[in-house]
Amino acid sequence: MSYTAYPRILISAYQCRPGIEAVSQIGWQWYSRLSSRLPVILITHVRNREFLLAAGAPLHDSEIIFIDTEWFAKPLYRLALKLFPYSEHATFLLSSLDFYIYDWQAVRQAKLRLKQGENWDIIHAVTPVSPTAATRLHTLKRPLVLGPWNGGLQTLATFPEIMKQDASWVYSIRNLGGMVNFLFGTTRNAAAILTATQATLARIPQQHHQRCHMILENGVDLQLFKPIPWPSPPSSTQPLKIIYVGRFLPFKGLPMLLAAIARLKEKIHIQLTVVGEGPLEAEWKAYAHQLQLDQLITWYGPAKATEVATQIQAAHLLCLPSVRESGGAVLLEAMACARPVLAIDFGGPADVIDDTVGCVVSPIGTEAVIKAFMEKLQDIALYPDAWRKRGEMGRQKAEKLFGWENKIEQAITLYHTLIENK
């Protein structure tokens, strides 16, 4: 096939909303940025409609096809909330079963468009980002790009109390997705599989690895998350400013950071800003009160991306104490703001963080993590200049690897390669 200067792209983004974190933001970034460069048709769920229209979509000369499965999705979601009130991940796994109905309808709509004379050079399924979300879009007989996928993360046995609260036994539902993938032929019929982590790559059968391309599923807006000078070094008069950004869910592990701060509060002047919300808010605030941390913590609440950027810029360090983080977009945001990061050496953080931009601690248990956090926080107070330099290196790494424009450029190059080799 001859070189196509502006390949036509059909994007399927089950989750696609601007202005919020998590996977919906990933869908929005792919759609908004690709549509500014190429002819795009977006297929997405109808629940995203009001948010997309409020943001000015359809953008540029793109078109949007909305798929409605709410007749099935809403009661399923209500059931999931009742069954798993404290586990957002378990709720998501169960409620997302409506994806398969969405995908079936999306394929029907696309085939109808093809019969009417429309055509696309590439089909790209960008969300969900899980390999369990098997799509039938390959039946449209166009080169299919999957991902970036991020999945295959195992459950740590070293945090049993956290994983029990997170209803981790439900994670086995993901295995059903693998069976559906096999039956649908999603992976074996994909032209390219964008793969976010080594854990994800390990779960993809070896015979498909030659079509895998390593691209992190998360990205960062380098114009929004900008570097500003590090705050004055922590001292007896200047507190060590730590920030946590994330949902209040069991696996996020915030109580471990609270415990570390409680043990250090007589040694180091510390302030913690907590950005986020979730079902464990009352429980975590009560625990902080029990540890006598009320004067050291600002509970900021939920925040828009612009507010998150401002809060990160005001801190010395971002800490993400999550014990099961498949991605970790907030780590990229902190790095883009030239702030060092502290996390647990498992999942997404293990693939993103090294000693040049921050530190990861061994995931060998709750008490060990608390002690390791204490050690690293004391190290910042003792050697602030070294940690400031880690933040600066983080910005450099973010510019090189994690900016959204870089990802879009890689994707467009891949599209051209797939079209030429068809």
Protein backbone atom coordinates (compact mmCIF):
# COMPACT_ATOMS: atom_id res chain seq x y z
CA MET A 1 0.00 0.00 0.00
CA SER A 2 1.29 3.44 -0.85
CA TYR A 3 2.27 5.94 1.84
CA THR A 4 -0.72 7.79 3.32
CA ALA A 5 0.13 11.30 4.49
CA TYR A 6 -2.94 11.55 6.73
CA PRO A 7 -4.15 8.07 7.65
CA ARG A 8 -7.78 7.88 8.69
CA ILE A 9 -8.16 6.54 12.21
CA LEU A 10 -11.10 4.86 13.91
CA ILE A 11 -10.58 5.14 17.68
CA SER A 12 -12.51 3.04 20.14
CA ALA A 13 -12.34 4.58 23.63
CA TYR A 14 -14.87 3.00 25.97
CA GLN A 15 -13.61 5.40 28.66
CA CYS A 16 -13.08 8.93 27.37
CA ARG A 17 -13.66 12.02 29.51
CA PRO A 18 -11.65 15.23 29.86
CA GLY A 19 -10.76 16.82 33.16
CA ILE A 20 -10.51 13.73 35.35
CA GLU A 21 -7.76 11.32 36.24
CA ALA A 22 -7.45 7.59 35.51
CA VAL A 23 -8.32 5.74 32.31
CA SER A 24 -10.97 8.18 31.07
CA GLN A 25 -8.26 10.84 30.83
CA ILE A 26 -6.15 8.46 28.73
CA GLY A 27 -9.00 8.02 26.26
CA TRP A 28 -9.47 11.79 26.06
CA GLN A 29 -5.78 12.46 25.46
CA TRP A 30 -5.62 9.99 22.57
CA TYR A 31 -8.76 11.38 20.97
CA SER A 32 -8.05 15.09 21.45
CA ARG A 33 -4.42 14.92 20.35
CA LEU A 34 -4.86 12.53 17.42
CA SER A 35 -7.84 14.46 16.08
CA SER A 36 -5.66 17.58 15.88
CA ARG A 37 -3.26 15.71 13.60
CA LEU A 38 -5.30 13.18 11.61
CA PRO A 39 -8.83 12.47 10.34
CA VAL A 40 -10.49 10.68 13.27
CA ILE A 41 -13.79 9.02 14.11
CA LEU A 42 -14.25 8.26 17.80
CA ILE A 43 -16.45 5.47 19.10
CA THR A 44 -17.18 5.85 22.82
CA HIS A 45 -19.78 5.10 25.45
CA VAL A 46 -22.81 7.36 25.73
CA ARG A 47 -22.03 8.04 29.41
CA ASN A 48 -19.14 10.21 28.17
CA ARG A 49 -21.35 12.36 25.95
CA GLU A 50 -22.09 15.33 28.23
CA PHE A 51 -18.45 15.64 29.29
CA LEU A 52 -17.18 15.52 25.71
CA LEU A 53 -19.73 18.04 24.47
CA ALA A 54 -18.90 20.37 27.38
CA ALA A 55 -15.26 20.25 26.28
CA GLY A 56 -16.19 21.30 22.75
CA ALA A 57 -16.22 17.89 21.10
CA PRO A 58 -16.37 16.81 18.37
CA LEU A 59 -12.94 18.40 18.03
CA HIS A 60 -11.48 19.67 14.77
CA ASP A 61 -13.07 17.73 11.89
CA SER A 62 -13.64 14.55 13.85
CA GLU A 63 -16.89 12.66 14.38
CA ILE A 64 -18.17 10.81 17.44
CA ILE A 65 -20.32 7.68 17.53
CA PHE A 66 -21.94 7.06 20.92
CA ILE A 67 -22.76 3.53 22.10
CA ASP A 68 -25.51 3.09 24.73
CA THR A 69 -25.42 0.09 27.08
CA GLU A 70 -26.82 1.87 30.13
CA TRP A 71 -29.81 -0.47 30.28
CA PHE A 72 -27.31 -3.14 31.36
CA ALA A 73 -24.48 -1.08 32.83
CA LYS A 74 -26.41 0.90 35.45
CA PRO A 75 -27.95 -2.04 37.36
CA LEU A 76 -24.66 -3.91 37.10
CA TYR A 77 -22.80 -0.96 38.63
CA ARG A 78 -25.30 -0.65 41.47
CA LEU A 79 -24.86 -4.35 42.23
CA ALA A 80 -21.06 -4.02 42.19
CA LEU A 81 -21.18 -1.09 44.65
CA LYS A 82 -23.29 -3.11 47.07
CA LEU A 83 -21.01 -6.13 46.86
CA PHE A 84 -17.70 -4.23 47.10
CA PRO A 85 -18.18 -0.89 48.91
CA TYR A 86 -14.47 -0.51 49.73
CA SER A 87 -12.87 -1.99 46.63
CA GLU A 88 -12.99 0.28 43.60
CA HIS A 89 -10.98 -2.24 41.61
CA ALA A 90 -13.40 -5.08 42.33
CA THR A 91 -16.34 -2.79 41.54
CA PHE A 92 -14.70 -1.83 38.25
CA LEU A 93 -14.00 -5.46 37.29
CA LEU A 94 -17.62 -6.50 37.76
CA SER A 95 -19.30 -3.39 36.36
CA SER A 96 -17.06 -3.35 33.28
CA LEU A 97 -18.59 -6.57 31.98
CA ASP A 98 -20.83 -4.29 29.94
CA PHE A 99 -17.74 -3.55 27.79
CA TYR A 100 -18.43 -6.69 25.79
CA ILE A 101 -21.91 -5.40 24.88
CA TYR A 102 -20.40 -2.00 24.05
CA ASP A 103 -17.82 -3.66 21.80
CA TRP A 104 -20.43 -5.77 20.01
CA GLN A 105 -22.48 -2.66 19.25
CA ALA A 106 -19.36 -0.70 18.23
CA VAL A 107 -18.45 -3.39 15.69
CA ARG A 108 -22.02 -3.35 14.33
CA GLN A 109 -21.93 0.44 13.92
CA ALA A 110 -18.53 0.34 12.23
CA LYS A 111 -19.59 -2.39 9.79
CA LEU A 112 -22.64 -0.34 8.89
CA ARG A 113 -20.40 2.66 8.15
CA LEU A 114 -18.19 0.49 5.95
CA LYS A 115 -21.21 -0.66 3.96
CA GLN A 116 -22.16 2.99 3.50
CA GLY A 117 -18.78 3.70 1.91
CA GLU A 118 -16.69 4.99 4.82
CA ASN A 119 -13.20 3.65 5.33
CA TRP A 120 -10.30 3.78 7.77
CA ASP A 121 -6.63 2.98 7.42
CA ILE A 122 -6.11 2.07 11.09
CA ILE A 123 -8.35 1.02 13.96
CA HIS A 124 -7.00 1.79 17.43
CA ALA A 125 -8.64 0.50 20.63
CA VAL A 126 -7.18 2.76 23.32
CA THR A 127 -9.41 2.06 26.34
CA PRO A 128 -9.96 0.01 28.41
CA VAL A 129 -6.23 -0.42 28.96
CA SER A 130 -6.61 -3.97 30.27
CA PRO A 131 -5.75 -7.08 28.22
CA THR A 132 -8.97 -8.59 29.60
CA ALA A 133 -10.99 -6.17 27.47
CA ALA A 134 -11.04 -8.37 24.38
CA THR A 135 -12.39 -6.57 21.32
CA ARG A 136 -13.78 -7.89 18.04
CA LEU A 137 -12.71 -4.82 16.07
CA HIS A 138 -10.25 -6.97 14.10
CA THR A 139 -13.27 -8.40 12.26
CA LEU A 140 -13.44 -5.10 10.38
CA LYS A 141 -10.40 -6.31 8.41
CA ARG A 142 -8.26 -3.24 9.01
CA PRO A 143 -4.93 -3.07 10.89
CA LEU A 144 -5.84 -3.09 14.58
CA VAL A 145 -3.68 -1.41 17.24
CA LEU A 146 -4.39 -2.40 20.84
CA GLY A 147 -3.52 -0.36 23.90
CA PRO A 148 -1.35 0.70 25.48
CA TRP A 149 -2.37 -2.25 27.62
CA ASN A 150 -1.49 -2.35 31.29
CA GLY A 151 -2.41 -5.54 33.12
CA GLY A 152 -1.11 -8.86 34.31
CA LEU A 153 -0.06 -7.51 37.70
CA GLN A 154 -0.02 -10.19 40.36
CA THR A 155 -1.30 -9.69 43.90
CA LEU A 156 1.32 -9.31 46.63
CA ALA A 157 1.05 -11.79 49.50
CA THR A 158 3.02 -9.49 51.82
CA PHE A 159 0.12 -7.13 52.56
CA PRO A 160 -2.69 -9.57 53.47
CA GLU A 161 -4.65 -7.10 55.61
CA ILE A 162 -4.75 -4.55 52.80
CA MET A 163 -5.61 -6.99 50.04
CA LYS A 164 -8.38 -8.60 52.12
CA GLN A 165 -10.02 -5.19 52.53
CA ASP A 166 -9.63 -4.64 48.80
CA ALA A 167 -11.50 -7.92 48.02
CA SER A 168 -8.51 -9.15 46.04
CA TRP A 169 -10.11 -12.58 45.53
CA VAL A 170 -12.26 -10.96 42.83
CA TYR A 171 -9.14 -10.28 40.75
CA SER A 172 -9.41 -13.84 39.39
CA ILE A 173 -12.27 -12.56 37.20
CA ARG A 174 -9.50 -11.24 34.96
CA ASN A 175 -8.75 -14.81 33.93
CA LEU A 176 -12.15 -14.95 32.24
CA GLY A 177 -11.05 -12.00 30.12
CA GLY A 178 -8.09 -14.02 28.93
CA MET A 179 -10.43 -16.80 27.83
CA VAL A 180 -12.62 -14.31 25.96
CA ASN A 181 -9.51 -12.86 24.31
CA PHE A 182 -8.59 -16.34 23.08
CA LEU A 183 -12.10 -17.05 21.80
CA PHE A 184 -12.39 -13.67 20.05
CA GLY A 185 -8.87 -13.88 18.63
CA THR A 186 -8.12 -10.33 19.73
CA THR A 187 -4.40 -10.65 20.42
CA ARG A 188 -3.56 -13.00 17.59
CA ASN A 189 -5.33 -10.79 15.03
CA ALA A 190 -3.88 -7.46 16.20
CA ALA A 191 -1.39 -5.71 13.95
CA ALA A 192 0.33 -4.13 16.97
CA ILE A 193 0.00 -4.34 20.74
CA LEU A 194 1.17 -1.32 22.73
CA THR A 195 2.43 -2.71 26.03
CA ALA A 196 2.92 -0.55 29.11
CA THR A 197 4.89 -2.70 31.56
CA GLN A 198 7.04 -5.79 31.80
CA ALA A 199 4.26 -7.46 33.82
CA THR A 200 1.89 -6.93 30.91
CA LEU A 201 4.37 -8.24 28.38
CA ALA A 202 4.89 -11.37 30.49
CA ARG A 203 1.16 -12.16 30.32
CA ILE A 204 1.03 -11.92 26.53
CA PRO A 205 1.86 -15.25 24.84
CA GLN A 206 5.43 -15.38 23.58
CA GLN A 207 4.40 -15.90 19.95
CA HIS A 208 2.85 -12.42 19.90
CA HIS A 209 5.80 -10.53 21.39
CA GLN A 210 7.18 -9.52 17.99
CA ARG A 211 4.10 -7.31 17.56
CA CYS A 212 4.43 -5.70 20.99
CA HIS A 213 5.74 -2.13 21.35
CA MET A 214 6.63 -0.80 24.81
CA ILE A 215 4.70 2.43 25.46
CA LEU A 216 3.47 3.46 28.90
CA GLU A 217 -0.31 3.86 28.99
CA ASN A 218 -0.15 7.00 31.10
CA GLY A 219 1.23 10.29 29.89
CA VAL A 220 1.66 13.77 31.25
CA ASP A 221 0.75 17.22 29.96
CA LEU A 222 4.14 18.94 30.10
CA GLN A 223 2.56 22.36 29.66
CA LEU A 224 0.26 21.94 32.66
CA PHE A 225 2.66 20.11 34.97
CA LYS A 226 5.58 22.51 34.80
CA PRO A 227 8.73 22.71 36.92
CA ILE A 228 9.15 25.54 39.39
CA PRO A 229 11.98 25.96 41.92
CA TRP A 230 12.05 23.49 44.78
CA PRO A 231 10.81 24.92 48.10
CA SER A 232 13.41 26.03 50.65
CA PRO A 233 15.13 22.95 52.10
CA PRO A 234 13.44 21.39 55.14
CA SER A 235 14.80 22.65 58.45
CA SER A 236 13.69 23.42 62.00
CA THR A 237 11.65 26.33 60.63
CA GLN A 238 10.79 24.98 57.16
CA PRO A 239 8.70 21.79 57.14
CA LEU A 240 9.34 18.87 54.83
CA LYS A 241 6.33 19.16 52.53
CA ILE A 242 4.97 15.83 51.34
CA ILE A 243 2.01 15.31 49.03
CA TYR A 244 -0.20 12.30 48.41
CA VAL A 245 -2.56 12.31 45.41
CA GLY A 246 -4.96 9.45 44.93
CA ARG A 247 -8.20 7.73 45.77
CA PHE A 248 -8.96 6.66 49.36
CA LEU A 249 -8.94 2.92 48.65
CA PRO A 250 -7.31 0.03 50.56
CA PHE A 251 -4.53 -0.74 48.08
CA LYS A 252 -3.40 2.90 47.97
CA GLY A 253 -1.71 2.34 51.35
CA LEU A 254 -1.94 5.86 52.78
CA PRO A 255 -2.02 4.58 56.42
CA MET A 256 1.57 3.37 56.00
CA LEU A 257 2.70 6.91 55.16
CA LEU A 258 0.67 8.27 58.08
CA ALA A 259 2.35 5.81 60.44
CA ALA A 260 5.81 6.79 59.17
CA ILE A 261 5.06 10.49 59.71
CA ALA A 262 3.72 9.81 63.21
CA ARG A 263 6.98 8.12 64.21
CA LEU A 264 9.04 10.98 62.77
CA LYS A 265 7.04 13.99 63.91
CA GLU A 266 9.23 14.59 66.98
CA LYS A 267 12.40 14.43 64.86
CA ILE A 268 11.44 16.24 61.66
CA HIS A 269 9.11 19.14 60.97
CA ILE A 270 6.66 17.60 58.44
CA GLN A 271 3.55 18.74 56.61
CA LEU A 272 1.42 16.40 54.52
CA THR A 273 -1.13 17.45 51.91
CA VAL A 274 -3.64 14.76 50.93
CA VAL A 275 -5.44 15.28 47.62
CA GLY A 276 -8.29 12.94 46.82
CA GLU A 277 -11.43 11.28 48.10
CA GLY A 278 -12.98 7.85 48.41
CA PRO A 279 -14.88 5.39 50.60
CA LEU A 280 -12.14 5.18 53.27
CA GLU A 281 -12.04 8.92 53.94
CA ALA A 282 -13.65 8.74 57.40
CA GLU A 283 -11.54 5.76 58.40
CA TRP A 284 -8.27 7.32 57.31
CA LYS A 285 -9.05 10.67 58.94
CA ALA A 286 -9.88 8.85 62.19
CA TYR A 287 -6.58 6.98 62.00
CA ALA A 288 -4.68 10.24 61.45
CA HIS A 289 -6.47 11.72 64.48
CA GLN A 290 -5.53 8.65 66.53
CA LEU A 291 -1.88 9.23 65.55
CA GLN A 292 -2.22 12.89 66.61
CA LEU A 293 -1.46 14.18 63.12
CA ASP A 294 -4.34 16.64 62.76
CA GLN A 295 -2.04 19.69 62.86
CA LEU A 296 0.32 18.18 60.29
CA ILE A 297 -2.17 17.23 57.57
CA THR A 298 -4.16 19.27 55.08
CA TRP A 299 -7.05 17.20 53.67
CA TYR A 300 -7.41 19.03 50.38
CA GLY A 301 -10.17 16.87 48.92
CA PRO A 302 -10.77 16.17 45.22
CA ALA A 303 -9.00 18.48 42.79
CA LYS A 304 -8.91 19.43 39.14
CA ALA A 305 -5.71 18.82 37.20
CA THR A 306 -4.68 22.46 37.49
CA GLU A 307 -5.05 22.28 41.27
CA VAL A 308 -3.12 19.02 41.43
CA ALA A 309 -0.25 20.65 39.55
CA THR A 310 -0.20 23.60 41.97
CA GLN A 311 -0.21 21.36 45.03
CA ILE A 312 2.59 19.16 43.68
CA GLN A 313 4.68 22.24 42.87
CA ALA A 314 4.32 23.40 46.49
CA ALA A 315 5.76 20.14 47.86
CA HIS A 316 9.28 18.78 48.29
CA LEU A 317 8.21 15.20 47.53
CA LEU A 318 5.32 13.13 46.23
CA CYS A 319 4.72 9.80 47.97
CA LEU A 320 2.54 7.08 46.46
CA PRO A 321 2.40 4.24 49.03
CA SER A 322 0.23 2.01 46.83
CA VAL A 323 0.83 -1.75 47.12
CA ARG A 324 -0.80 -2.58 43.79
CA GLU A 325 -0.35 0.28 41.32
CA SER A 326 -0.49 -0.91 37.73
CA GLY A 327 0.23 2.58 36.37
CA GLY A 328 0.83 5.61 38.55
CA ALA A 329 0.04 8.67 36.43
CA VAL A 330 0.60 10.94 39.42
CA LEU A 331 4.25 9.86 39.52
CA LEU A 332 4.71 11.21 36.00
CA GLU A 333 2.97 14.44 36.98
CA ALA A 334 5.28 14.92 39.95
CA MET A 335 8.34 14.20 37.81
CA ALA A 336 7.13 16.72 35.24
CA CYS A 337 6.93 19.28 38.07
CA ALA A 338 10.57 18.45 38.95
CA ARG A 339 9.61 16.80 42.22
CA PRO A 340 11.24 13.58 43.45
CA VAL A 341 8.95 10.61 44.05
CA LEU A 342 8.76 7.88 46.70
CA ALA A 343 6.79 4.68 46.09
CA ILE A 344 6.77 0.89 46.48
CA ASP A 345 8.87 -1.27 44.18
CA PHE A 346 6.03 -3.13 42.49
CA GLY A 347 3.89 -2.72 39.39
CA GLY A 348 3.96 0.54 37.48
CA PRO A 349 6.23 2.41 39.93
CA ALA A 350 8.89 -0.28 39.54
CA ASP A 351 8.99 0.40 35.78
CA VAL A 352 9.05 4.20 36.11
CA ILE A 353 11.15 5.10 39.16
CA ASP A 354 14.86 4.62 39.72
CA ASP A 355 17.40 6.24 42.02
CA THR A 356 17.93 9.13 39.62
CA VAL A 357 14.37 10.48 40.06
CA GLY A 358 13.39 9.26 43.52
CA CYS A 359 13.23 5.97 45.37
CA VAL A 360 11.19 2.78 45.56
CA VAL A 361 11.11 0.67 48.72
CA SER A 362 10.85 -3.10 48.92
CA PRO A 363 7.29 -4.50 49.12
CA ILE A 364 8.02 -7.01 51.88
CA GLY A 365 5.32 -5.99 54.33
CA THR A 366 3.60 -3.15 56.13
CA GLU A 367 6.09 -2.65 58.95
CA ALA A 368 9.06 -2.82 56.57
CA VAL A 369 7.50 -0.19 54.29
CA ILE A 370 6.81 2.14 57.23
CA LYS A 371 10.43 1.89 58.38
CA ALA A 372 11.72 2.41 54.82
CA PHE A 373 9.55 5.51 54.40
CA MET A 374 10.91 6.86 57.68
CA GLU A 375 14.46 6.31 56.45
CA LYS A 376 13.85 8.05 53.12
CA LEU A 377 12.05 11.02 54.67
CA GLN A 378 14.94 11.51 57.09
CA ASP A 379 17.33 11.27 54.14
CA ILE A 380 15.55 14.18 52.44
CA ALA A 381 16.02 16.30 55.57
CA LEU A 382 19.71 15.36 55.74
CA TYR A 383 20.54 15.61 52.02
CA PRO A 384 18.00 17.98 50.47
CA ASP A 385 20.23 18.98 47.55
CA ALA A 386 20.50 15.36 46.36
CA TRP A 387 16.72 15.05 46.38
CA ARG A 388 16.28 18.37 44.61
CA LYS A 389 18.52 17.03 41.84
CA ARG A 390 16.38 13.88 41.63
CA GLY A 391 13.43 16.14 40.94
CA GLU A 392 15.30 17.90 38.16
CA MET A 393 16.22 14.55 36.61
CA GLY A 394 12.57 13.55 36.84
CA ARG A 395 11.59 16.49 34.66
CA GLN A 396 14.19 15.52 32.09
CA LYS A 397 12.91 11.93 32.06
CA ALA A 398 9.31 13.11 31.73
CA GLU A 399 10.20 15.30 28.74
CA LYS A 400 12.03 12.47 27.05
CA LEU A 401 9.64 9.59 27.70
CA PHE A 402 6.28 10.55 29.14
CA GLY A 403 4.93 13.65 27.39
CA TRP A 404 1.71 13.05 25.47
CA GLU A 405 3.07 14.59 22.28
CA ASN A 406 5.91 12.08 22.31
CA LYS A 407 3.41 9.20 22.59
CA ILE A 408 1.23 10.52 19.80
CA GLU A 409 4.26 10.92 17.55
CA GLN A 410 5.27 7.30 18.22
CA ALA A 411 1.75 6.14 17.41
CA ILE A 412 1.55 8.04 14.13
CA THR A 413 4.91 6.61 13.06
CA LEU A 414 3.58 3.14 13.87
CA TYR A 415 0.39 3.77 11.89
CA HIS A 416 2.41 4.64 8.79
CA THR A 417 4.56 1.54 9.21
CA LEU A 418 1.52 -0.72 9.51
CA ILE A 419 -0.13 0.83 6.45
CA GLU A 420 3.03 0.51 4.34
CA ASN A 421 3.53 -3.12 5.38
CA LYS A 422 -0.06 -4.16 4.85
